Amino acid sequence: MAANLEAKLQRAQAQVEAPALPVLRRLTQTKSWREAIVDIWNDNPTFRMILAMCPTMGATNMAINGFAMGIATMAVTAASSVTISLVRNFIPAQVRLAAYMIVIAGYVGIVDLYFKAYLPALSAALGPYLPLIVTNCFVLGRAEAFASKSGPGLSLMDAIGVGLGFTMSLTLIGIVRELLGFGSIFNITVFPNWTQWVIMIIPAEAFLVVGLYVGIVRHFSPGGGLQPAGSH
């Protein structure tokens, strides 16, 4: 009797400890998932590698512009990384960078036309920065450093991770600039009688916001806090 009761208790405890969503648990333990999560923080193009400063300065005067720019760049990075991963064995090493640029340019054209057709207001607001994704150094960098050496699945997750990190960075910068410049966030008025800080609207002032975010990220990263004088 006691043995049966103990066995029932053990089964009940096992059911409680079992994950409610075992598929999601297995997903989070895969190499692809870990690659994406790590890339959001460790390989963040803006706050960690200080890359893609052109769209960071010019396309973040409003939060929605920064978010849209990040999503567009992530789409191009993901599509080009998967394509390059699939054809990497057929591209001669001598012309690989030129081939990568052609692939990236093709997807940039598709994204640019999509914005013009379905999101004309955002297309006009982003102006030349959408076509200039083709010159974005981290898009080509992921193709050369990762997609050309990895399978399509892992390359896709890597691109999504870096793209999410870039989108997060541009959106956070845009929130600060829009709040101080217009008194709103995502076109929603936060301070009705706000006196606009015109300096926060111009692209050059984005350097200040980027610098503040970079300092915060570096400080809270492992080993990024202030070190005592003379310590190594």
Protein backbone atom coordinates (compact mmCIF):
# COMPACT_ATOMS: atom_id res chain seq x y z
CA MET A 1 0.00 0.00 0.00
CA ALA A 2 2.73 2.41 0.99
CA ALA A 3 4.78 1.42 -2.08
CA ASN A 4 1.84 2.13 -4.41
CA LEU A 5 1.27 5.51 -2.77
CA GLU A 6 4.95 6.40 -3.12
CA ALA A 7 4.92 5.39 -6.81
CA LYS A 8 1.88 7.59 -7.46
CA LEU A 9 3.56 10.53 -5.75
CA GLN A 10 6.68 10.04 -7.87
CA ARG A 11 4.62 9.97 -11.09
CA ALA A 12 2.75 13.12 -10.04
CA GLN A 13 6.01 14.90 -9.28
CA ALA A 14 7.46 13.88 -12.64
CA GLN A 15 4.42 15.28 -14.41
CA VAL A 16 4.76 18.58 -12.56
CA GLU A 17 8.46 18.84 -13.40
CA ALA A 18 7.90 17.95 -17.07
CA PRO A 19 7.91 20.99 -19.34
CA ALA A 20 4.50 22.14 -20.50
CA LEU A 21 5.92 22.81 -23.97
CA PRO A 22 8.65 20.21 -24.60
CA VAL A 23 8.98 21.28 -28.24
CA LEU A 24 9.89 24.82 -27.21
CA ARG A 25 12.35 23.48 -24.66
CA ARG A 26 14.10 21.41 -27.30
CA LEU A 27 14.11 24.41 -29.65
CA THR A 28 15.85 26.63 -27.10
CA GLN A 29 18.57 23.99 -26.71
CA THR A 30 19.43 23.82 -30.41
CA LYS A 31 22.58 25.37 -31.86
CA SER A 32 20.54 27.55 -34.22
CA TRP A 33 18.53 29.07 -31.38
CA ARG A 34 21.64 29.73 -29.31
CA GLU A 35 23.30 31.36 -32.32
CA ALA A 36 20.38 33.74 -32.79
CA ILE A 37 20.16 34.69 -29.11
CA VAL A 38 23.91 35.24 -28.79
CA ASP A 39 23.99 37.41 -31.93
CA ILE A 40 21.35 39.79 -30.58
CA TRP A 41 23.74 40.87 -27.82
CA ASN A 42 27.32 39.78 -28.57
CA ASP A 43 27.25 40.64 -32.28
CA ASN A 44 24.98 43.68 -32.05
CA PRO A 45 26.02 45.80 -35.06
CA THR A 46 25.32 49.15 -33.41
CA PHE A 47 26.09 48.86 -29.71
CA ARG A 48 28.89 46.26 -29.81
CA MET A 49 30.56 46.47 -33.23
CA ILE A 50 29.75 50.16 -33.95
CA LEU A 51 28.80 49.38 -37.56
CA ALA A 52 26.09 50.71 -39.91
CA MET A 53 26.37 54.25 -38.59
CA CYS A 54 24.86 55.77 -41.74
CA PRO A 55 21.29 54.44 -41.19
CA THR A 56 21.79 54.73 -37.44
CA MET A 57 22.31 58.46 -37.77
CA GLY A 58 19.86 59.20 -40.57
CA ALA A 59 16.92 56.85 -40.03
CA THR A 60 16.31 57.10 -36.29
CA ASN A 61 14.74 60.53 -35.83
CA MET A 62 11.51 58.66 -35.07
CA ALA A 63 11.00 55.26 -33.48
CA ILE A 64 8.88 53.90 -36.35
CA ASN A 65 11.57 54.84 -38.86
CA GLY A 66 14.24 53.04 -36.88
CA PHE A 67 12.03 49.97 -36.46
CA ALA A 68 11.17 49.84 -40.18
CA MET A 69 14.81 50.28 -41.16
CA GLY A 70 15.83 47.46 -38.85
CA ILE A 71 13.16 45.08 -40.18
CA ALA A 72 14.10 45.87 -43.78
CA THR A 73 17.78 45.24 -43.06
CA MET A 74 17.00 42.01 -41.22
CA ALA A 75 14.94 40.75 -44.18
CA VAL A 76 17.78 41.49 -46.60
CA THR A 77 20.37 39.91 -44.29
CA ALA A 78 18.30 36.76 -43.78
CA ALA A 79 17.45 36.27 -47.45
CA SER A 80 20.97 36.96 -48.69
CA SER A 81 22.58 34.76 -46.01
CA VAL A 82 20.40 31.77 -46.90
CA THR A 83 21.01 32.28 -50.63
CA ILE A 84 24.76 32.63 -50.21
CA SER A 85 24.87 29.58 -47.95
CA LEU A 86 23.09 27.51 -50.60
CA VAL A 87 25.37 28.56 -53.49
CA ARG A 88 28.63 29.02 -51.57
CA ASN A 89 30.24 25.95 -53.08
CA PHE A 90 29.59 27.17 -56.63
CA ILE A 91 31.13 30.66 -56.26
CA PRO A 92 34.86 30.97 -57.11
CA ALA A 93 36.84 32.40 -54.22
CA GLN A 94 38.29 35.15 -56.42
CA VAL A 95 34.88 36.74 -57.10
CA ARG A 96 33.01 35.79 -53.95
CA LEU A 97 32.66 39.33 -52.57
CA ALA A 98 31.34 40.65 -55.88
CA ALA A 99 28.90 37.75 -56.03
CA TYR A 100 27.74 38.41 -52.48
CA MET A 101 27.15 42.07 -53.31
CA ILE A 102 25.02 41.13 -56.32
CA VAL A 103 22.89 38.81 -54.19
CA ILE A 104 22.47 41.48 -51.50
CA ALA A 105 21.65 44.16 -54.09
CA GLY A 106 18.93 41.96 -55.56
CA TYR A 107 17.17 41.55 -52.22
CA VAL A 108 17.61 45.24 -51.42
CA GLY A 109 15.79 46.05 -54.65
CA ILE A 110 12.93 43.75 -53.71
CA VAL A 111 12.59 45.30 -50.24
CA ASP A 112 12.81 48.82 -51.65
CA LEU A 113 10.06 48.12 -54.20
CA TYR A 114 7.90 46.52 -51.51
CA PHE A 115 8.14 49.62 -49.32
CA LYS A 116 7.34 51.90 -52.26
CA ALA A 117 4.31 49.82 -53.21
CA TYR A 118 2.80 49.03 -49.80
CA LEU A 119 4.42 51.45 -47.33
CA PRO A 120 4.91 54.65 -49.34
CA ALA A 121 4.98 56.93 -46.27
CA LEU A 122 7.77 54.93 -44.65
CA SER A 123 9.59 54.68 -47.97
CA ALA A 124 9.54 58.47 -48.29
CA ALA A 125 10.62 58.94 -44.67
CA LEU A 126 13.56 56.56 -45.01
CA GLY A 127 14.57 58.09 -48.33
CA PRO A 128 17.94 56.87 -49.66
CA TYR A 129 18.69 54.75 -46.60
CA LEU A 130 16.66 51.79 -47.89
CA PRO A 131 18.66 51.41 -51.13
CA LEU A 132 21.85 52.02 -49.15
CA ILE A 133 21.33 48.75 -47.27
CA VAL A 134 23.41 47.27 -50.07
CA THR A 135 26.44 49.11 -48.66
CA ASN A 136 25.74 48.08 -45.08
CA CYS A 137 28.97 46.51 -43.92
CA PHE A 138 27.49 44.02 -41.45
CA VAL A 139 25.18 42.53 -44.11
CA LEU A 140 28.20 41.70 -46.27
CA GLY A 141 30.13 40.79 -43.14
CA ARG A 142 27.65 38.10 -42.10
CA ALA A 143 27.73 36.69 -45.62
CA GLU A 144 31.53 36.50 -45.66
CA ALA A 145 32.14 35.49 -42.05
CA PHE A 146 29.23 33.12 -41.45
CA ALA A 147 26.92 32.26 -44.37
CA SER A 148 29.81 31.28 -46.65
CA LYS A 149 30.96 28.72 -44.08
CA SER A 150 27.66 27.42 -42.63
CA GLY A 151 24.47 25.67 -43.69
CA PRO A 152 21.31 27.58 -44.65
CA GLY A 153 19.46 26.90 -41.38
CA LEU A 154 22.25 28.15 -39.15
CA SER A 155 22.90 31.08 -41.50
CA LEU A 156 19.24 32.06 -41.30
CA MET A 157 19.25 32.05 -37.50
CA ASP A 158 22.49 34.00 -37.42
CA ALA A 159 21.04 36.64 -39.74
CA ILE A 160 17.83 36.85 -37.72
CA GLY A 161 19.80 37.26 -34.50
CA VAL A 162 21.98 40.05 -35.87
CA GLY A 163 18.97 41.63 -37.57
CA LEU A 164 16.94 41.61 -34.36
CA GLY A 165 19.84 43.20 -32.53
CA PHE A 166 20.09 45.90 -35.19
CA THR A 167 16.32 46.49 -35.12
CA MET A 168 16.36 46.76 -31.34
CA SER A 169 19.23 49.25 -31.48
CA LEU A 170 17.63 51.53 -34.06
CA THR A 171 14.27 51.41 -32.29
CA LEU A 172 15.77 52.31 -28.91
CA ILE A 173 17.71 55.20 -30.44
CA GLY A 174 14.59 56.35 -32.27
CA ILE A 175 12.51 56.26 -29.07
CA VAL A 176 14.91 58.61 -27.27
CA ARG A 177 15.27 60.98 -30.22
CA GLU A 178 11.55 61.12 -30.95
CA LEU A 179 10.63 61.58 -27.29
CA LEU A 180 13.03 64.49 -26.83
CA GLY A 181 12.58 65.90 -30.31
CA PHE A 182 8.80 65.68 -30.72
CA GLY A 183 7.43 64.66 -27.32
CA SER A 184 6.00 61.42 -28.73
CA ILE A 185 6.82 57.72 -29.13
CA PHE A 186 5.71 55.86 -32.28
CA ASN A 187 3.67 58.96 -33.19
CA ILE A 188 1.76 58.72 -29.90
CA THR A 189 1.95 61.99 -28.00
CA VAL A 190 3.51 61.56 -24.56
CA PHE A 191 4.12 65.21 -23.64
CA PRO A 192 1.31 67.37 -25.17
CA ASN A 193 2.97 70.73 -24.49
CA TRP A 194 6.52 69.61 -25.14
CA THR A 195 9.01 72.14 -26.47
CA GLN A 196 10.79 70.38 -29.32
CA TRP A 197 14.49 69.79 -28.95
CA VAL A 198 15.44 70.49 -32.55
CA ILE A 199 18.97 69.30 -31.89
CA MET A 200 17.65 65.76 -31.27
CA ILE A 201 16.04 65.66 -34.71
CA ILE A 202 19.20 66.31 -36.74
CA PRO A 203 21.28 63.23 -37.64
CA ALA A 204 24.48 64.43 -35.98
CA GLU A 205 22.89 64.41 -32.52
CA ALA A 206 22.29 60.68 -32.85
CA PHE A 207 25.98 60.24 -32.01
CA LEU A 208 25.22 61.39 -28.46
CA VAL A 209 22.40 58.88 -28.03
CA VAL A 210 24.48 56.09 -29.57
CA GLY A 211 27.37 56.94 -27.26
CA LEU A 212 25.12 56.75 -24.20
CA TYR A 213 23.71 53.38 -25.25
CA VAL A 214 27.17 52.02 -26.06
CA GLY A 215 28.39 53.07 -22.63
CA ILE A 216 25.43 51.38 -20.92
CA VAL A 217 25.85 48.17 -22.94
CA ARG A 218 29.59 48.03 -22.31
CA HIS A 219 29.10 48.65 -18.60
CA PHE A 220 26.59 45.84 -18.14
CA SER A 221 28.45 43.39 -20.39
CA PRO A 222 30.73 40.80 -18.72
CA GLY A 223 33.94 42.56 -17.76
CA GLY A 224 32.55 45.89 -18.85
CA GLY A 225 32.29 47.66 -15.50
CA LEU A 226 34.71 50.27 -14.28
CA GLN A 227 37.99 48.70 -13.25
CA PRO A 228 40.14 49.97 -10.36
CA ALA A 229 43.19 51.95 -11.40
CA GLY A 230 46.16 49.71 -12.15
CA SER A 231 44.10 46.51 -12.40
CA HIS A 232 44.44 44.26 -15.45
